[in-house]
């Protein structure tokens, strides 16, 4: 697509990204359930991947590409996978 990421922020209900071509794009957080369920600290812990082609949240095991954001593609994670992740997350929090 030609645009890379410069910066990203997760706010209350949106993922906002600044691109190398000067655009700022905002997408609803409900598109990315792992970000939606993440804490503020987990959401802030991200890094650029692939020379700015995407974002990675290690605490949430989430990767999002610039291409998917620009194409308006929500997470492709299945409901079964998300359910397992949420259960594992809950179990880790209970054991703390």
Protein backbone atom coordinates (compact mmCIF):
# COMPACT_ATOMS: atom_id res chain seq x y z
CA UNK A 1 0.00 0.00 0.00
CA UNK A 2 2.99 2.28 0.41
CA UNK A 3 2.13 3.84 3.78
CA UNK A 4 3.94 2.92 6.95
CA UNK A 5 3.22 3.58 10.58
CA UNK A 6 4.82 6.39 12.49
CA UNK A 7 2.85 6.27 15.73
CA UNK A 8 -0.16 4.59 17.27
CA UNK A 9 -2.40 5.21 20.25
CA UNK A 10 -5.25 3.24 21.73
CA UNK A 11 -7.86 5.50 23.28
CA UNK A 12 -11.11 4.62 25.02
CA UNK A 13 -12.92 3.36 21.92
CA UNK A 14 -10.49 3.61 19.00
CA UNK A 15 -7.11 2.72 17.57
CA UNK A 16 -5.53 5.82 16.05
CA UNK A 17 -2.51 5.54 13.77
CA UNK A 18 -0.31 8.17 12.16
CA UNK A 19 1.09 7.17 8.77
CA UNK A 20 4.26 8.15 6.95
CA UNK A 21 2.20 9.82 4.20
CA UNK A 22 0.75 12.28 6.75
CA UNK A 23 -2.64 10.67 7.26
CA UNK A 24 -4.11 9.89 10.63
CA UNK A 25 -6.55 6.99 10.62
CA UNK A 26 -8.91 5.98 13.40
CA UNK A 27 -10.71 2.63 13.59
CA UNK A 28 -13.13 1.35 16.23
CA UNK A 29 -11.60 -0.70 19.01
CA UNK A 30 -14.41 -3.25 18.74
CA UNK A 31 -12.70 -4.41 15.53
CA UNK A 32 -9.86 -5.77 17.66
CA UNK A 33 -11.29 -7.65 20.68
CA UNK A 34 -7.91 -8.32 22.28
CA UNK A 35 -7.20 -4.59 22.38
CA UNK A 36 -10.72 -3.96 23.61
CA UNK A 37 -10.20 -6.37 26.53
CA UNK A 38 -6.66 -5.19 27.26
CA UNK A 39 -5.73 -2.93 30.14
CA UNK A 40 -4.43 0.57 29.50
CA UNK A 41 -0.93 -0.65 30.33
CA UNK A 42 -1.18 -3.57 27.90
CA UNK A 43 -2.56 -1.31 25.16
CA UNK A 44 0.34 1.12 25.57
CA UNK A 45 2.94 -1.65 25.24
CA UNK A 46 3.21 -1.91 21.45
CA UNK A 47 6.00 -1.84 18.90
CA UNK A 48 6.31 -1.32 15.17
CA UNK A 49 6.93 -4.46 13.15
CA UNK A 50 8.12 -5.02 9.58
CA UNK A 51 9.69 -1.58 9.15
CA UNK A 52 6.41 0.13 10.04
CA UNK A 53 4.13 -2.27 8.18
CA UNK A 54 2.25 -3.14 11.34
CA UNK A 55 1.91 -3.11 15.10
CA UNK A 56 2.50 -5.78 17.71
CA UNK A 57 1.18 -5.89 21.29
CA UNK A 58 3.24 -8.57 23.09
CA UNK A 59 1.08 -8.59 26.23
CA UNK A 60 -2.05 -9.23 24.15
CA UNK A 61 -0.49 -11.39 21.41
CA UNK A 62 -2.03 -9.07 18.81
CA UNK A 63 -0.67 -8.01 15.42
CA UNK A 64 -2.38 -5.49 13.14
CA UNK A 65 -1.11 -4.44 9.72
CA UNK A 66 -1.39 -1.01 8.11
CA UNK A 67 -2.98 -2.71 5.13
CA UNK A 68 -5.80 -4.18 7.21
CA UNK A 69 -6.44 -0.82 8.88
CA UNK A 70 -6.59 1.00 5.53
CA UNK A 71 -8.83 -1.68 4.02
CA UNK A 72 -11.19 -1.52 6.99
CA UNK A 73 -10.61 -5.14 7.97
CA UNK A 74 -11.49 -6.10 11.51
CA UNK A 75 -9.72 -8.89 13.37
CA UNK A 76 -10.05 -12.24 11.66
CA UNK A 77 -9.83 -14.14 14.95
CA UNK A 78 -12.54 -16.75 15.37
CA UNK A 79 -14.96 -16.57 18.29
CA UNK A 80 -13.61 -19.91 19.56
CA UNK A 81 -10.04 -18.59 19.58
CA UNK A 82 -11.07 -15.37 21.33
CA UNK A 83 -13.03 -17.35 23.92
CA UNK A 84 -9.96 -19.53 24.68
CA UNK A 85 -7.76 -16.43 24.96
CA UNK A 86 -10.22 -14.74 27.33
CA UNK A 87 -10.44 -17.87 29.49
CA UNK A 88 -6.64 -18.16 29.68
CA UNK A 89 -6.43 -14.47 30.53
CA UNK A 90 -9.01 -14.84 33.29
CA UNK A 91 -7.21 -17.91 34.68
CA UNK A 92 -3.89 -16.02 34.80
CA UNK A 93 -5.50 -13.11 36.64
CA UNK A 94 -7.15 -15.42 39.17
CA UNK A 95 -3.87 -17.22 39.91
CA UNK A 96 -2.06 -13.95 40.72
